[in-house]
C-alpha atoms as a PDB file:
ATOM      1  CA  MET A   1      14.647  37.065  22.953  1.00  0.00           C
ATOM      2  CA  ILE A   2      16.609  39.920  24.486  1.00  0.00           C
ATOM      3  CA  ALA A   3      19.231  39.704  21.729  1.00  0.00           C
ATOM      4  CA  LEU A   4      16.462  39.883  19.119  1.00  0.00           C
ATOM      5  CA  GLN A   5      14.907  42.915  20.789  1.00  0.00           C
ATOM      6  CA  GLU A   6      18.315  44.615  20.847  1.00  0.00           C
ATOM      7  CA  ARG A   7      18.744  43.982  17.131  1.00  0.00           C
ATOM      8  CA  ILE A   8      15.237  45.301  16.469  1.00  0.00           C
ATOM      9  CA  GLU A   9      16.024  48.439  18.465  1.00  0.00           C
ATOM     10  CA  LYS A  10      19.237  48.960  16.453  1.00  0.00           C
ATOM     11  CA  PHE A  11      17.244  48.513  13.232  1.00  0.00           C
ATOM     12  CA  LYS A  12      14.672  51.030  14.430  1.00  0.00           C
ATOM     13  CA  ASN A  13      17.356  53.560  15.354  1.00  0.00           C
ATOM     14  CA  ARG A  14      19.102  53.122  11.995  1.00  0.00           C
ATOM     15  CA  THR A  15      16.017  53.192   9.743  1.00  0.00           C
ATOM     16  CA  GLY A  16      13.507  55.174  11.787  1.00  0.00           C
ATOM     17  CA  ARG A  17      10.938  52.379  11.684  1.00  0.00           C
ATOM     18  CA  ARG A  18      10.314  48.932  13.122  1.00  0.00           C
ATOM     19  CA  PRO A  19      11.042  45.870  10.973  1.00  0.00           C
ATOM     20  CA  ARG A  20       7.990  44.570   9.135  1.00  0.00           C
ATOM     21  CA  ILE A  21       6.859  41.013   8.480  1.00  0.00           C
ATOM     22  CA  LEU A  22       3.969  39.655   6.399  1.00  0.00           C
ATOM     23  CA  LEU A  23       2.191  36.561   7.675  1.00  0.00           C
ATOM     24  CA  THR A  24      -0.207  34.548   5.563  1.00  0.00           C
ATOM     25  CA  CYS A  25      -1.679  31.075   5.638  1.00  0.00           C
ATOM     26  CA  MET A  26      -0.601  28.927   2.730  1.00  0.00           C
ATOM     27  CA  GLU A  27      -3.269  26.254   3.088  1.00  0.00           C
ATOM     28  CA  LYS A  28      -7.026  26.580   2.736  1.00  0.00           C
ATOM     29  CA  ASP A  29      -7.682  24.631   5.943  1.00  0.00           C
ATOM     30  CA  ALA A  30      -5.152  26.525   8.072  1.00  0.00           C
ATOM     31  CA  ASP A  31      -6.471  27.869  11.343  1.00  0.00           C
ATOM     32  CA  ALA A  32      -6.501  31.675  11.506  1.00  0.00           C
ATOM     33  CA  ARG A  33      -5.892  31.506  15.262  1.00  0.00           C
ATOM     34  CA  VAL A  34      -2.448  30.034  14.636  1.00  0.00           C
ATOM     35  CA  ILE A  35      -1.517  32.931  12.344  1.00  0.00           C
ATOM     36  CA  LYS A  36      -2.818  35.417  14.907  1.00  0.00           C
ATOM     37  CA  SER A  37      -0.818  33.726  17.685  1.00  0.00           C
ATOM     38  CA  ILE A  38       2.360  33.946  15.623  1.00  0.00           C
ATOM     39  CA  ALA A  39       1.575  37.589  14.842  1.00  0.00           C
ATOM     40  CA  ILE A  40       1.315  38.373  18.549  1.00  0.00           C
ATOM     41  CA  VAL A  41       4.745  36.874  19.213  1.00  0.00           C
ATOM     42  CA  TYR A  42       6.357  38.926  16.437  1.00  0.00           C
ATOM     43  CA  SER A  43       4.524  42.060  17.521  1.00  0.00           C
ATOM     44  CA  ASP A  44       5.627  41.599  21.129  1.00  0.00           C
ATOM     45  CA  ALA A  45       9.204  41.236  19.858  1.00  0.00           C
ATOM     46  CA  GLY A  46       8.945  44.627  18.144  1.00  0.00           C
ATOM     47  CA  PHE A  47       7.912  43.887  14.563  1.00  0.00           C
ATOM     48  CA  ASP A  48       5.188  45.641  12.606  1.00  0.00           C
ATOM     49  CA  VAL A  49       3.064  42.678  11.536  1.00  0.00           C
ATOM     50  CA  ASP A  50       0.839  42.530   8.470  1.00  0.00           C
ATOM     51  CA  ILE A  51      -1.570  39.609   8.131  1.00  0.00           C
ATOM     52  CA  SER A  52      -2.917  38.563   4.750  1.00  0.00           C
ATOM     53  CA  LEU A  53      -6.703  38.422   4.802  1.00  0.00           C
ATOM     54  CA  VAL A  54      -7.009  35.350   2.606  1.00  0.00           C
ATOM     55  CA  CYS A  55      -5.139  32.089   2.293  1.00  0.00           C
ATOM     56  CA  THR A  56      -2.784  32.467  -0.625  1.00  0.00           C
ATOM     57  CA  GLY A  57      -0.035  30.560  -2.321  1.00  0.00           C
ATOM     58  CA  PRO A  58       3.559  31.735  -2.568  1.00  0.00           C
ATOM     59  CA  GLU A  59       2.945  33.153  -6.045  1.00  0.00           C
ATOM     60  CA  MET A  60       0.329  35.576  -4.740  1.00  0.00           C
ATOM     61  CA  VAL A  61       2.418  36.634  -1.740  1.00  0.00           C
ATOM     62  CA  THR A  62       5.708  37.158  -3.533  1.00  0.00           C
ATOM     63  CA  GLY A  63       4.495  37.974  -7.026  1.00  0.00           C
ATOM     64  CA  ILE A  64       6.865  35.307  -8.292  1.00  0.00           C
ATOM     65  CA  ARG A  65       5.582  32.500 -10.463  1.00  0.00           C
ATOM     66  CA  SER A  66       7.445  29.741  -8.631  1.00  0.00           C
ATOM     67  CA  LEU A  67       9.726  29.869  -5.624  1.00  0.00           C
ATOM     68  CA  ARG A  68      11.818  27.087  -7.116  1.00  0.00           C
ATOM     69  CA  SER A  69      12.431  29.023 -10.334  1.00  0.00           C
ATOM     70  CA  TRP A  70      13.201  32.130  -8.280  1.00  0.00           C
ATOM     71  CA  GLN A  71      15.813  30.253  -6.268  1.00  0.00           C
ATOM     72  CA  LEU A  72      17.414  28.904  -9.428  1.00  0.00           C
ATOM     73  CA  ASP A  73      17.381  32.152 -11.384  1.00  0.00           C
ATOM     74  CA  PRO A  74      21.042  33.257 -11.649  1.00  0.00           C
ATOM     75  CA  GLN A  75      20.044  36.906 -12.100  1.00  0.00           C
ATOM     76  CA  VAL A  76      18.283  36.904  -8.716  1.00  0.00           C
ATOM     77  CA  THR A  77      20.878  34.941  -6.741  1.00  0.00           C
ATOM     78  CA  ARG A  78      23.845  37.192  -7.599  1.00  0.00           C
END
């Protein structure tokens, strides 16, 4: 954890901001408390944490039609 916090501090010094992460539940029956617990861990480590208000699929989060097609797209992977 200390190594991660050091890397976060270096990032913050280099960019002038804390690293940011977006958390969202990908299943309709996911428990919001789990997402909030994960958010607390990342926040305590030094991240700015955004939590999606609704359960969404990967297409809604990333704006990409399919993660599989994104991973296979040669234009993206170069």
